[in-house]
Amino acid sequence: MIPLNFAVMERDQTEELRALQDTLYFIGGKWRIPVINSICNGNRRFREIERSIPGITTRMLSKELKDMELNKLVKRTVYPETPVLIVYEPTEYCRTFGNIIQEMISWGREHRRVIVEDR
C-alpha cells in the first residue's frame, strides 16, 4: 500500500522518450564513445586518438571529430607551425558525459562477468 503522504511524481513520457532518443542518437554510433574516452584520457592529436582506438579508420575519425566539434563536444585548435599542429580538447560540456561513460564501463564489466559465469 502506498503511504498517504507519498506524492506520485507525474512524468512526461513523451519528453522522456525524446530525451532517450537524443541520447541514443548521440551515443548510437560505434565510435563516438571511444573517441570521447580517448580525448578525455589525454590523447589530443589526431594520430594519438587514432592509435588509441583499434579498428577506427582515418576517414571515420575525421568524421566523428568534425561532428563532435559541431555539437560543441570538442574544441579544435590549429597552431600555425611547420608542420601544422592541430589539437583536440574536450569541452566542459563534453566532460559532463564522463559519469555516463563510467557507468557504461561499470555496467559492461558487470555484464561480461555475469555472462561468463553463466557459461
PDB file of N, CA and C in Angstrom:
ATOM      1  N   MET A   1       0.840  -1.183   0.000  1.00  0.00           N
ATOM      2  CA  MET A   1       0.000   0.000   0.000  1.00  0.00           C
ATOM      3  C   MET A   1       0.886   1.248   0.000  1.00  0.00           C
ATOM      4  N   ILE A   2       0.517   2.228  -0.770  1.00  0.00           N
ATOM      5  CA  ILE A   2       1.274   3.475  -0.869  1.00  0.00           C
ATOM      6  C   ILE A   2       0.900   4.368   0.306  1.00  0.00           C
ATOM      7  N   PRO A   3       1.906   4.886   1.039  1.00  0.00           N
ATOM      8  CA  PRO A   3       1.607   5.783   2.152  1.00  0.00           C
ATOM      9  C   PRO A   3       0.863   7.022   1.655  1.00  0.00           C
ATOM     10  N   LEU A   4      -0.018   7.557   2.504  1.00  0.00           N
ATOM     11  CA  LEU A   4      -0.827   8.709   2.121  1.00  0.00           C
ATOM     12  C   LEU A   4       0.010   9.949   1.841  1.00  0.00           C
ATOM     13  N   ASN A   5       1.155  10.088   2.511  1.00  0.00           N
ATOM     14  CA  ASN A   5       1.967  11.277   2.304  1.00  0.00           C
ATOM     15  C   ASN A   5       2.927  11.136   1.120  1.00  0.00           C
ATOM     16  N   PHE A   6       2.866  10.001   0.430  1.00  0.00           N
ATOM     17  CA  PHE A   6       3.745   9.776  -0.719  1.00  0.00           C
ATOM     18  C   PHE A   6       3.100  10.394  -1.953  1.00  0.00           C
ATOM     19  N   ALA A   7       3.740  11.386  -2.496  1.00  0.00           N
ATOM     20  CA  ALA A   7       3.224  12.041  -3.699  1.00  0.00           C
ATOM     21  C   ALA A   7       3.781  11.337  -4.927  1.00  0.00           C
ATOM     22  N   VAL A   8       2.907  10.910  -5.810  1.00  0.00           N
ATOM     23  CA  VAL A   8       3.327  10.251  -7.040  1.00  0.00           C
ATOM     24  C   VAL A   8       3.788  11.336  -8.015  1.00  0.00           C
ATOM     25  N   MET A   9       5.035  11.200  -8.442  1.00  0.00           N
ATOM     26  CA  MET A   9       5.588  12.182  -9.363  1.00  0.00           C
ATOM     27  C   MET A   9       5.070  11.895 -10.771  1.00  0.00           C
ATOM     28  N   GLU A  10       4.457  12.890 -11.367  1.00  0.00           N
ATOM     29  CA  GLU A  10       3.997  12.718 -12.739  1.00  0.00           C
ATOM     30  C   GLU A  10       5.176  12.869 -13.672  1.00  0.00           C
ATOM     31  N   ARG A  11       5.223  11.979 -14.645  1.00  0.00           N
ATOM     32  CA  ARG A  11       6.323  12.001 -15.587  1.00  0.00           C
ATOM     33  C   ARG A  11       5.785  12.240 -16.981  1.00  0.00           C
ATOM     34  N   ASP A  12       6.523  13.001 -17.737  1.00  0.00           N
ATOM     35  CA  ASP A  12       6.163  13.277 -19.118  1.00  0.00           C
ATOM     36  C   ASP A  12       6.867  12.238 -19.985  1.00  0.00           C
ATOM     37  N   GLN A  13       6.161  11.168 -20.289  1.00  0.00           N
ATOM     38  CA  GLN A  13       6.777  10.069 -21.020  1.00  0.00           C
ATOM     39  C   GLN A  13       7.190  10.475 -22.436  1.00  0.00           C
ATOM     40  N   THR A  14       6.471  11.390 -23.040  1.00  0.00           N
ATOM     41  CA  THR A  14       6.838  11.858 -24.376  1.00  0.00           C
ATOM     42  C   THR A  14       8.170  12.583 -24.324  1.00  0.00           C
ATOM     43  N   GLU A  15       8.336  13.436 -23.322  1.00  0.00           N
ATOM     44  CA  GLU A  15       9.598  14.162 -23.173  1.00  0.00           C
ATOM     45  C   GLU A  15      10.730  13.210 -22.826  1.00  0.00           C
ATOM     46  N   GLU A  16      10.451  12.224 -21.957  1.00  0.00           N
ATOM     47  CA  GLU A  16      11.473  11.245 -21.592  1.00  0.00           C
ATOM     48  C   GLU A  16      11.919  10.445 -22.809  1.00  0.00           C
ATOM     49  N   LEU A  17      10.979  10.033 -23.633  1.00  0.00           N
ATOM     50  CA  LEU A  17      11.305   9.288 -24.844  1.00  0.00           C
ATOM     51  C   LEU A  17      12.167  10.133 -25.780  1.00  0.00           C
ATOM     52  N   ARG A  18      11.819  11.402 -25.936  1.00  0.00           N
ATOM     53  CA  ARG A  18      12.601  12.310 -26.782  1.00  0.00           C
ATOM     54  C   ARG A  18      14.029  12.445 -26.244  1.00  0.00           C
ATOM     55  N   ALA A  19      14.157  12.585 -24.922  1.00  0.00           N
ATOM     56  CA  ALA A  19      15.486  12.704 -24.306  1.00  0.00           C
ATOM     57  C   ALA A  19      16.291  11.418 -24.498  1.00  0.00           C
ATOM     58  N   LEU A  20      15.641  10.256 -24.327  1.00  0.00           N
ATOM     59  CA  LEU A  20      16.332   8.987 -24.554  1.00  0.00           C
ATOM     60  C   LEU A  20      16.759   8.838 -26.012  1.00  0.00           C
ATOM     61  N   GLN A  21      15.892   9.233 -26.931  1.00  0.00           N
ATOM     62  CA  GLN A  21      16.237   9.151 -28.345  1.00  0.00           C
ATOM     63  C   GLN A  21      17.409  10.076 -28.684  1.00  0.00           C
ATOM     64  N   ASP A  22      17.417  11.276 -28.105  1.00  0.00           N
ATOM     65  CA  ASP A  22      18.541  12.193 -28.329  1.00  0.00           C
ATOM     66  C   ASP A  22      19.841  11.581 -27.825  1.00  0.00           C
ATOM     67  N   THR A  23      19.786  10.968 -26.636  1.00  0.00           N
ATOM     68  CA  THR A  23      20.978  10.347 -26.064  1.00  0.00           C
ATOM     69  C   THR A  23      21.433   9.163 -26.909  1.00  0.00           C
ATOM     70  N   LEU A  24      20.491   8.308 -27.293  1.00  0.00           N
ATOM     71  CA  LEU A  24      20.850   7.145 -28.106  1.00  0.00           C
ATOM     72  C   LEU A  24      21.387   7.566 -29.467  1.00  0.00           C
ATOM     73  N   TYR A  25      20.841   8.624 -30.033  1.00  0.00           N
ATOM     74  CA  TYR A  25      21.360   9.143 -31.303  1.00  0.00           C
ATOM     75  C   TYR A  25      22.804   9.584 -31.113  1.00  0.00           C
ATOM     76  N   PHE A  26      23.060  10.249 -30.003  1.00  0.00           N
ATOM     77  CA  PHE A  26      24.403  10.741 -29.723  1.00  0.00           C
ATOM     78  C   PHE A  26      25.397   9.596 -29.527  1.00  0.00           C
ATOM     79  N   ILE A  27      25.039   8.591 -28.748  1.00  0.00           N
ATOM     80  CA  ILE A  27      25.980   7.506 -28.442  1.00  0.00           C
ATOM     81  C   ILE A  27      25.790   6.300 -29.339  1.00  0.00           C
ATOM     82  N   GLY A  28      24.806   6.341 -30.228  1.00  0.00           N
ATOM     83  CA  GLY A  28      24.443   5.176 -31.024  1.00  0.00           C
ATOM     84  C   GLY A  28      25.508   4.682 -31.975  1.00  0.00           C
ATOM     85  N   GLY A  29      26.398   5.532 -32.394  1.00  0.00           N
ATOM     86  CA  GLY A  29      27.440   5.097 -33.309  1.00  0.00           C
ATOM     87  C   GLY A  29      28.476   4.251 -32.609  1.00  0.00           C
ATOM     88  N   LYS A  30      29.179   3.491 -33.389  1.00  0.00           N
ATOM     89  CA  LYS A  30      30.194   2.589 -32.859  1.00  0.00           C
ATOM     90  C   LYS A  30      31.397   3.330 -32.286  1.00  0.00           C
ATOM     91  N   TRP A  31      31.684   4.526 -32.792  1.00  0.00           N
ATOM     92  CA  TRP A  31      32.950   5.187 -32.474  1.00  0.00           C
ATOM     93  C   TRP A  31      32.855   6.376 -31.537  1.00  0.00           C
ATOM     94  N   ARG A  32      31.691   6.957 -31.336  1.00  0.00           N
ATOM     95  CA  ARG A  32      31.564   8.200 -30.575  1.00  0.00           C
ATOM     96  C   ARG A  32      32.122   8.072 -29.156  1.00  0.00           C
ATOM     97  N   ILE A  33      31.693   7.072 -28.424  1.00  0.00           N
ATOM     98  CA  ILE A  33      32.139   6.912 -27.040  1.00  0.00           C
ATOM     99  C   ILE A  33      33.641   6.624 -26.963  1.00  0.00           C
ATOM    100  N   PRO A  34      34.187   5.725 -27.792  1.00  0.00           N
ATOM    101  CA  PRO A  34      35.644   5.541 -27.747  1.00  0.00           C
ATOM    102  C   PRO A  34      36.430   6.816 -28.070  1.00  0.00           C
ATOM    103  N   VAL A  35      35.934   7.648 -28.979  1.00  0.00           N
ATOM    104  CA  VAL A  35      36.636   8.897 -29.298  1.00  0.00           C
ATOM    105  C   VAL A  35      36.599   9.836 -28.096  1.00  0.00           C
ATOM    106  N   ILE A  36      35.441   9.993 -27.486  1.00  0.00           N
ATOM    107  CA  ILE A  36      35.327  10.845 -26.297  1.00  0.00           C
ATOM    108  C   ILE A  36      36.244  10.324 -25.193  1.00  0.00           C
ATOM    109  N   ASN A  37      36.217   9.024 -24.976  1.00  0.00           N
ATOM    110  CA  ASN A  37      37.040   8.425 -23.938  1.00  0.00           C
ATOM    111  C   ASN A  37      38.524   8.670 -24.208  1.00  0.00           C
ATOM    112  N   SER A  38      38.941   8.530 -25.450  1.00  0.00           N
ATOM    113  CA  SER A  38      40.338   8.753 -25.813  1.00  0.00           C
ATOM    114  C   SER A  38      40.760  10.195 -25.547  1.00  0.00           C
ATOM    115  N   ILE A  39      39.940  11.135 -25.981  1.00  0.00           N
ATOM    116  CA  ILE A  39      40.279  12.550 -25.799  1.00  0.00           C
ATOM    117  C   ILE A  39      40.295  12.904 -24.311  1.00  0.00           C
ATOM    118  N   CYS A  40      39.316  12.405 -23.572  1.00  0.00           N
ATOM    119  CA  CYS A  40      39.266  12.698 -22.134  1.00  0.00           C
ATOM    120  C   CYS A  40      40.395  12.012 -21.365  1.00  0.00           C
ATOM    121  N   ASN A  41      41.016  10.995 -21.966  1.00  0.00           N
ATOM    122  CA  ASN A  41      42.152  10.325 -21.344  1.00  0.00           C
ATOM    123  C   ASN A  41      43.483  10.940 -21.759  1.00  0.00           C
ATOM    124  N   GLY A  42      43.429  12.079 -22.433  1.00  0.00           N
ATOM    125  CA  GLY A  42      44.665  12.809 -22.702  1.00  0.00           C
ATOM    126  C   GLY A  42      45.207  12.760 -24.112  1.00  0.00           C
ATOM    127  N   ASN A  43      44.590  12.004 -24.995  1.00  0.00           N
ATOM    128  CA  ASN A  43      45.032  11.981 -26.384  1.00  0.00           C
ATOM    129  C   ASN A  43      44.491  13.225 -27.072  1.00  0.00           C
ATOM    130  N   ARG A  44      45.385  14.055 -27.605  1.00  0.00           N
ATOM    131  CA  ARG A  44      44.984  15.352 -28.137  1.00  0.00           C
ATOM    132  C   ARG A  44      45.197  15.506 -29.642  1.00  0.00           C
ATOM    133  N   ARG A  45      46.152  14.778 -30.195  1.00  0.00           N
ATOM    134  CA  ARG A  45      46.445  14.901 -31.622  1.00  0.00           C
ATOM    135  C   ARG A  45      45.742  13.785 -32.380  1.00  0.00           C
ATOM    136  N   PHE A  46      45.442  14.055 -33.642  1.00  0.00           N
ATOM    137  CA  PHE A  46      44.679  13.123 -34.466  1.00  0.00           C
ATOM    138  C   PHE A  46      45.270  11.714 -34.421  1.00  0.00           C
ATOM    139  N   ARG A  47      46.566  11.588 -34.674  1.00  0.00           N
ATOM    140  CA  ARG A  47      47.200  10.260 -34.722  1.00  0.00           C
ATOM    141  C   ARG A  47      47.194   9.576 -33.357  1.00  0.00           C
ATOM    142  N   GLU A  48      47.311  10.352 -32.275  1.00  0.00           N
ATOM    143  CA  GLU A  48      47.234   9.756 -30.929  1.00  0.00           C
ATOM    144  C   GLU A  48      45.854   9.154 -30.703  1.00  0.00           C
ATOM    145  N   ILE A  49      44.836   9.916 -31.081  1.00  0.00           N
ATOM    146  CA  ILE A  49      43.460   9.436 -30.921  1.00  0.00           C
ATOM    147  C   ILE A  49      43.255   8.193 -31.775  1.00  0.00           C
ATOM    148  N   GLU A  50      43.705   8.272 -33.026  1.00  0.00           N
ATOM    149  CA  GLU A  50      43.545   7.154 -33.959  1.00  0.00           C
ATOM    150  C   GLU A  50      44.228   5.890 -33.439  1.00  0.00           C
ATOM    151  N   ARG A  51      45.455   6.011 -32.947  1.00  0.00           N
ATOM    152  CA  ARG A  51      46.189   4.847 -32.439  1.00  0.00           C
ATOM    153  C   ARG A  51      45.549   4.256 -31.182  1.00  0.00           C
ATOM    154  N   SER A  52      44.854   5.084 -30.424  1.00  0.00           N
ATOM    155  CA  SER A  52      44.258   4.600 -29.174  1.00  0.00           C
ATOM    156  C   SER A  52      42.949   3.843 -29.388  1.00  0.00           C
ATOM    157  N   ILE A  53      42.432   3.858 -30.620  1.00  0.00           N
ATOM    158  CA  ILE A  53      41.148   3.205 -30.910  1.00  0.00           C
ATOM    159  C   ILE A  53      41.351   2.168 -32.013  1.00  0.00           C
ATOM    160  N   PRO A  54      41.613   0.924 -31.659  1.00  0.00           N
ATOM    161  CA  PRO A  54      41.835  -0.117 -32.672  1.00  0.00           C
ATOM    162  C   PRO A  54      40.628  -0.251 -33.609  1.00  0.00           C
ATOM    163  N   GLY A  55      40.919  -0.282 -34.894  1.00  0.00           N
ATOM    164  CA  GLY A  55      39.868  -0.523 -35.883  1.00  0.00           C
ATOM    165  C   GLY A  55      39.247   0.713 -36.494  1.00  0.00           C
ATOM    166  N   ILE A  56      39.431   1.879 -35.903  1.00  0.00           N
ATOM    167  CA  ILE A  56      38.822   3.083 -36.470  1.00  0.00           C
ATOM    168  C   ILE A  56      39.644   3.518 -37.683  1.00  0.00           C
ATOM    169  N   THR A  57      38.952   3.939 -38.733  1.00  0.00           N
ATOM    170  CA  THR A  57      39.647   4.405 -39.924  1.00  0.00           C
ATOM    171  C   THR A  57      39.904   5.906 -39.810  1.00  0.00           C
ATOM    172  N   THR A  58      40.849   6.382 -40.583  1.00  0.00           N
ATOM    173  CA  THR A  58      41.162   7.812 -40.608  1.00  0.00           C
ATOM    174  C   THR A  58      39.931   8.611 -41.011  1.00  0.00           C
ATOM    175  N   ARG A  59      39.233   8.114 -42.011  1.00  0.00           N
ATOM    176  CA  ARG A  59      38.026   8.802 -42.501  1.00  0.00           C
ATOM    177  C   ARG A  59      36.954   8.879 -41.415  1.00  0.00           C
ATOM    178  N   MET A  60      36.732   7.776 -40.696  1.00  0.00           N
ATOM    179  CA  MET A  60      35.703   7.752 -39.653  1.00  0.00           C
ATOM    180  C   MET A  60      36.085   8.662 -38.492  1.00  0.00           C
ATOM    181  N   LEU A  61      37.356   8.652 -38.093  1.00  0.00           N
ATOM    182  CA  LEU A  61      37.783   9.522 -37.004  1.00  0.00           C
ATOM    183  C   LEU A  61      37.607  10.983 -37.400  1.00  0.00           C
ATOM    184  N   SER A  62      37.982  11.321 -38.614  1.00  0.00           N
ATOM    185  CA  SER A  62      37.819  12.690 -39.100  1.00  0.00           C
ATOM    186  C   SER A  62      36.348  13.101 -39.048  1.00  0.00           C
ATOM    187  N   LYS A  63      35.467  12.229 -39.505  1.00  0.00           N
ATOM    188  CA  LYS A  63      34.018  12.497 -39.491  1.00  0.00           C
ATOM    189  C   LYS A  63      33.518  12.683 -38.063  1.00  0.00           C
ATOM    190  N   GLU A  64      33.924  11.799 -37.163  1.00  0.00           N
ATOM    191  CA  GLU A  64      33.490  11.894 -35.769  1.00  0.00           C
ATOM    192  C   GLU A  64      33.962  13.195 -35.124  1.00  0.00           C
ATOM    193  N   LEU A  65      35.217  13.558 -35.345  1.00  0.00           N
ATOM    194  CA  LEU A  65      35.749  14.781 -34.744  1.00  0.00           C
ATOM    195  C   LEU A  65      35.034  16.020 -35.274  1.00  0.00           C
ATOM    196  N   LYS A  66      34.741  16.055 -36.572  1.00  0.00           N
ATOM    197  CA  LYS A  66      34.003  17.190 -37.148  1.00  0.00           C
ATOM    198  C   LYS A  66      32.610  17.284 -36.545  1.00  0.00           C
ATOM    199  N   ASP A  67      31.938  16.143 -36.441  1.00  0.00           N
ATOM    200  CA  ASP A  67      30.597  16.120 -35.865  1.00  0.00           C
ATOM    201  C   ASP A  67      30.615  16.537 -34.401  1.00  0.00           C
ATOM    202  N   MET A  68      31.619  16.075 -33.670  1.00  0.00           N
ATOM    203  CA  MET A  68      31.729  16.427 -32.253  1.00  0.00           C
ATOM    204  C   MET A  68      32.034  17.908 -32.085  1.00  0.00           C
ATOM    205  N   GLU A  69      32.800  18.475 -32.998  1.00  0.00           N
ATOM    206  CA  GLU A  69      33.075  19.911 -32.943  1.00  0.00           C
ATOM    207  C   GLU A  69      31.798  20.708 -33.198  1.00  0.00           C
ATOM    208  N   LEU A  70      31.005  20.275 -34.174  1.00  0.00           N
ATOM    209  CA  LEU A  70      29.731  20.947 -34.463  1.00  0.00           C
ATOM    210  C   LEU A  70      28.767  20.870 -33.281  1.00  0.00           C
ATOM    211  N   ASN A  71      28.850  19.776 -32.522  1.00  0.00           N
ATOM    212  CA  ASN A  71      27.966  19.575 -31.372  1.00  0.00           C
ATOM    213  C   ASN A  71      28.557  20.091 -30.067  1.00  0.00           C
ATOM    214  N   LYS A  72      29.627  20.897 -30.170  1.00  0.00           N
ATOM    215  CA  LYS A  72      30.243  21.563 -29.018  1.00  0.00           C
ATOM    216  C   LYS A  72      30.797  20.598 -27.974  1.00  0.00           C
ATOM    217  N   LEU A  73      31.276  19.448 -28.447  1.00  0.00           N
ATOM    218  CA  LEU A  73      31.865  18.466 -27.553  1.00  0.00           C
ATOM    219  C   LEU A  73      33.383  18.512 -27.575  1.00  0.00           C
ATOM    220  N   VAL A  74      33.929  19.012 -28.683  1.00  0.00           N
ATOM    221  CA  VAL A  74      35.375  19.066 -28.869  1.00  0.00           C
ATOM    222  C   VAL A  74      35.758  20.446 -29.362  1.00  0.00           C
ATOM    223  N   LYS A  75      36.847  20.942 -28.825  1.00  0.00           N
ATOM    224  CA  LYS A  75      37.414  22.203 -29.304  1.00  0.00           C
ATOM    225  C   LYS A  75      38.634  21.857 -30.145  1.00  0.00           C
ATOM    226  N   ARG A  76      38.668  22.368 -31.369  1.00  0.00           N
ATOM    227  CA  ARG A  76      39.777  22.118 -32.291  1.00  0.00           C
ATOM    228  C   ARG A  76      40.604  23.393 -32.380  1.00  0.00           C
ATOM    229  N   THR A  77      41.898  23.266 -32.089  1.00  0.00           N
ATOM    230  CA  THR A  77      42.805  24.416 -32.146  1.00  0.00           C
ATOM    231  C   THR A  77      43.903  24.114 -33.154  1.00  0.00           C
ATOM    232  N   VAL A  78      44.125  25.062 -34.080  1.00  0.00           N
ATOM    233  CA  VAL A  78      45.172  24.922 -35.089  1.00  0.00           C
ATOM    234  C   VAL A  78      46.306  25.866 -34.729  1.00  0.00           C
ATOM    235  N   TYR A  79      47.512  25.296 -34.609  1.00  0.00           N
ATOM    236  CA  TYR A  79      48.705  26.093 -34.334  1.00  0.00           C
ATOM    237  C   TYR A  79      49.517  26.201 -35.625  1.00  0.00           C
ATOM    238  N   PRO A  80      49.781  27.437 -36.076  1.00  0.00           N
ATOM    239  CA  PRO A  80      50.466  27.627 -37.364  1.00  0.00           C
ATOM    240  C   PRO A  80      51.971  27.345 -37.271  1.00  0.00           C
ATOM    241  N   GLU A  81      52.296  26.089 -37.142  1.00  0.00           N
ATOM    242  CA  GLU A  81      53.694  25.664 -37.097  1.00  0.00           C
ATOM    243  C   GLU A  81      53.984  24.899 -38.382  1.00  0.00           C
ATOM    244  N   THR A  82      55.210  24.453 -38.534  1.00  0.00           N
ATOM    245  CA  THR A  82      55.541  23.601 -39.664  1.00  0.00           C
ATOM    246  C   THR A  82      56.040  22.275 -39.125  1.00  0.00           C
ATOM    247  N   PRO A  83      55.346  21.186 -39.322  1.00  0.00           N
ATOM    248  CA  PRO A  83      54.023  21.100 -39.930  1.00  0.00           C
ATOM    249  C   PRO A  83      52.939  21.649 -38.991  1.00  0.00           C
ATOM    250  N   VAL A  84      51.769  21.902 -39.555  1.00  0.00           N
ATOM    251  CA  VAL A  84      50.650  22.457 -38.789  1.00  0.00           C
ATOM    252  C   VAL A  84      50.291  21.499 -37.659  1.00  0.00           C
ATOM    253  N   LEU A  85      50.091  22.051 -36.475  1.00  0.00           N
ATOM    254  CA  LEU A  85      49.721  21.264 -35.299  1.00  0.00           C
ATOM    255  C   LEU A  85      48.250  21.503 -34.996  1.00  0.00           C
ATOM    256  N   ILE A  86      47.485  20.429 -34.938  1.00  0.00           N
ATOM    257  CA  ILE A  86      46.057  20.509 -34.608  1.00  0.00           C
ATOM    258  C   ILE A  86      45.840  19.718 -33.328  1.00  0.00           C
ATOM    259  N   VAL A  87      45.182  20.364 -32.370  1.00  0.00           N
ATOM    260  CA  VAL A  87      44.932  19.752 -31.065  1.00  0.00           C
ATOM    261  C   VAL A  87      43.433  19.722 -30.812  1.00  0.00           C
ATOM    262  N   TYR A  88      42.969  18.593 -30.311  1.00  0.00           N
ATOM    263  CA  TYR A  88      41.558  18.422 -29.948  1.00  0.00           C
ATOM    264  C   TYR A  88      41.464  18.327 -28.437  1.00  0.00           C
ATOM    265  N   GLU A  89      40.521  19.074 -27.874  1.00  0.00           N
ATOM    266  CA  GLU A  89      40.321  19.054 -26.426  1.00  0.00           C
ATOM    267  C   GLU A  89      38.840  18.881 -26.133  1.00  0.00           C
ATOM    268  N   PRO A  90      38.513  18.144 -25.073  1.00  0.00           N
ATOM    269  CA  PRO A  90      37.102  18.033 -24.699  1.00  0.00           C
ATOM    270  C   PRO A  90      36.617  19.359 -24.111  1.00  0.00           C
ATOM    271  N   THR A  91      35.418  19.742 -24.444  1.00  0.00           N
ATOM    272  CA  THR A  91      34.831  20.938 -23.845  1.00  0.00           C
ATOM    273  C   THR A  91      34.280  20.569 -22.468  1.00  0.00           C
ATOM    274  N   GLU A  92      33.951  21.572 -21.688  1.00  0.00           N
ATOM    275  CA  GLU A  92      33.333  21.302 -20.379  1.00  0.00           C
ATOM    276  C   GLU A  92      32.019  20.547 -20.581  1.00  0.00           C
ATOM    277  N   TYR A  93      31.301  20.891 -21.647  1.00  0.00           N
ATOM    278  CA  TYR A  93      30.051  20.198 -21.960  1.00  0.00           C
ATOM    279  C   TYR A  93      30.317  18.716 -22.214  1.00  0.00           C
ATOM    280  N   CYS A  94      31.376  18.411 -22.928  1.00  0.00           N
ATOM    281  CA  CYS A  94      31.743  17.018 -23.199  1.00  0.00           C
ATOM    282  C   CYS A  94      32.051  16.281 -21.897  1.00  0.00           C
ATOM    283  N   ARG A  95      32.730  16.952 -20.996  1.00  0.00           N
ATOM    284  CA  ARG A  95      33.107  16.323 -19.724  1.00  0.00           C
ATOM    285  C   ARG A  95      31.894  15.936 -18.880  1.00  0.00           C
ATOM    286  N   THR A  96      30.742  16.585 -19.116  1.00  0.00           N
ATOM    287  CA  THR A  96      29.537  16.212 -18.370  1.00  0.00           C
ATOM    288  C   THR A  96      29.099  14.792 -18.707  1.00  0.00           C
ATOM    289  N   PHE A  97      29.602  14.274 -19.802  1.00  0.00           N
ATOM    290  CA  PHE A  97      29.260  12.918 -20.224  1.00  0.00           C
ATOM    291  C   PHE A  97      30.130  11.872 -19.519  1.00  0.00           C
ATOM    292  N   GLY A  98      31.159  12.322 -18.800  1.00  0.00           N
ATOM    293  CA  GLY A  98      32.098  11.408 -18.154  1.00  0.00           C
ATOM    294  C   GLY A  98      31.460  10.423 -17.204  1.00  0.00           C
ATOM    295  N   ASN A  99      30.535  10.879 -16.378  1.00  0.00           N
ATOM    296  CA  ASN A  99      29.885   9.973 -15.420  1.00  0.00           C
ATOM    297  C   ASN A  99      29.068   8.904 -16.133  1.00  0.00           C
ATOM    298  N   ILE A 100      28.447   9.293 -17.238  1.00  0.00           N
ATOM    299  CA  ILE A 100      27.662   8.320 -18.005  1.00  0.00           C
ATOM    300  C   ILE A 100      28.581   7.255 -18.587  1.00  0.00           C
ATOM    301  N   ILE A 101      29.728   7.687 -19.130  1.00  0.00           N
ATOM    302  CA  ILE A 101      30.686   6.732 -19.686  1.00  0.00           C
ATOM    303  C   ILE A 101      31.184   5.790 -18.591  1.00  0.00           C
ATOM    304  N   GLN A 102      31.499   6.329 -17.411  1.00  0.00           N
ATOM    305  CA  GLN A 102      31.964   5.478 -16.303  1.00  0.00           C
ATOM    306  C   GLN A 102      30.900   4.453 -15.924  1.00  0.00           C
ATOM    307  N   GLU A 103      29.646   4.869 -15.888  1.00  0.00           N
ATOM    308  CA  GLU A 103      28.556   3.932 -15.574  1.00  0.00           C
ATOM    309  C   GLU A 103      28.432   2.868 -16.657  1.00  0.00           C
ATOM    310  N   MET A 104      28.613   3.267 -17.916  1.00  0.00           N
ATOM    311  CA  MET A 104      28.554   2.302 -19.014  1.00  0.00           C
ATOM    312  C   MET A 104      29.696   1.295 -18.904  1.00  0.00           C
ATOM    313  N   ILE A 105      30.890   1.762 -18.541  1.00  0.00           N
ATOM    314  CA  ILE A 105      32.035   0.864 -18.362  1.00  0.00           C
ATOM    315  C   ILE A 105      31.755  -0.110 -17.222  1.00  0.00           C
ATOM    316  N   SER A 106      31.248   0.395 -16.112  1.00  0.00           N
ATOM    317  CA  SER A 106      30.929  -0.465 -14.964  1.00  0.00           C
ATOM    318  C   SER A 106      29.880  -1.500 -15.333  1.00  0.00           C
ATOM    319  N   TRP A 107      28.833  -1.052 -16.018  1.00  0.00           N
ATOM    320  CA  TRP A 107      27.772  -1.972 -16.417  1.00  0.00           C
ATOM    321  C   TRP A 107      28.324  -3.029 -17.361  1.00  0.00           C
ATOM    322  N   GLY A 108      29.150  -2.610 -18.319  1.00  0.00           N
ATOM    323  CA  GLY A 108      29.735  -3.551 -19.278  1.00  0.00           C
ATOM    324  C   GLY A 108      30.609  -4.594 -18.603  1.00  0.00           C
ATOM    325  N   ARG A 109      31.401  -4.166 -17.623  1.00  0.00           N
ATOM    326  CA  ARG A 109      32.239  -5.116 -16.882  1.00  0.00           C
ATOM    327  C   ARG A 109      31.372  -6.123 -16.129  1.00  0.00           C
ATOM    328  N   GLU A 110      30.346  -5.617 -15.448  1.00  0.00           N
ATOM    329  CA  GLU A 110      29.455  -6.499 -14.685  1.00  0.00           C
ATOM    330  C   GLU A 110      28.705  -7.437 -15.622  1.00  0.00           C
ATOM    331  N   HIS A 111      28.251  -6.922 -16.736  1.00  0.00           N
ATOM    332  CA  HIS A 111      27.524  -7.750 -17.704  1.00  0.00           C
ATOM    333  C   HIS A 111      28.423  -8.874 -18.223  1.00  0.00           C
ATOM    334  N   ARG A 112      29.665  -8.543 -18.553  1.00  0.00           N
ATOM    335  CA  ARG A 112      30.611  -9.565 -19.033  1.00  0.00           C
ATOM    336  C   ARG A 112      30.827 -10.627 -17.947  1.00  0.00           C
ATOM    337  N   ARG A 113      30.968 -10.181 -16.696  1.00  0.00           N
ATOM    338  CA  ARG A 113      31.157 -11.118 -15.589  1.00  0.00           C
ATOM    339  C   ARG A 113      29.962 -12.044 -15.459  1.00  0.00           C
ATOM    340  N   VAL A 114      28.753 -11.498 -15.516  1.00  0.00           N
ATOM    341  CA  VAL A 114      27.538 -12.298 -15.401  1.00  0.00           C
ATOM    342  C   VAL A 114      27.441 -13.309 -16.541  1.00  0.00           C
ATOM    343  N   ILE A 115      27.717 -12.874 -17.738  1.00  0.00           N
ATOM    344  CA  ILE A 115      27.622 -13.756 -18.895  1.00  0.00           C
ATOM    345  C   ILE A 115      28.663 -14.864 -18.825  1.00  0.00           C
ATOM    346  N   VAL A 116      29.899 -14.527 -18.462  1.00  0.00           N
ATOM    347  CA  VAL A 116      30.969 -15.523 -18.389  1.00  0.00           C
ATOM    348  C   VAL A 116      30.679 -16.537 -17.296  1.00  0.00           C
ATOM    349  N   GLU A 117      30.132 -16.095 -16.155  1.00  0.00           N
ATOM    350  CA  GLU A 117      29.816 -17.005 -15.049  1.00  0.00           C
ATOM    351  C   GLU A 117      28.722 -17.989 -15.438  1.00  0.00           C
ATOM    352  N   ASP A 118      27.796 -17.574 -16.309  1.00  0.00           N
ATOM    353  CA  ASP A 118      26.671 -18.436 -16.691  1.00  0.00           C
ATOM    354  C   ASP A 118      27.057 -19.497 -17.713  1.00  0.00           C
ATOM    355  N   ARG A 119      28.272 -19.461 -18.216  1.00  0.00           N
ATOM    356  CA  ARG A 119      28.658 -20.441 -19.243  1.00  0.00           C
ATOM    357  C   ARG A 119      29.096 -21.726 -18.656  1.00  0.00           C
TER     358      ARG A 119
END
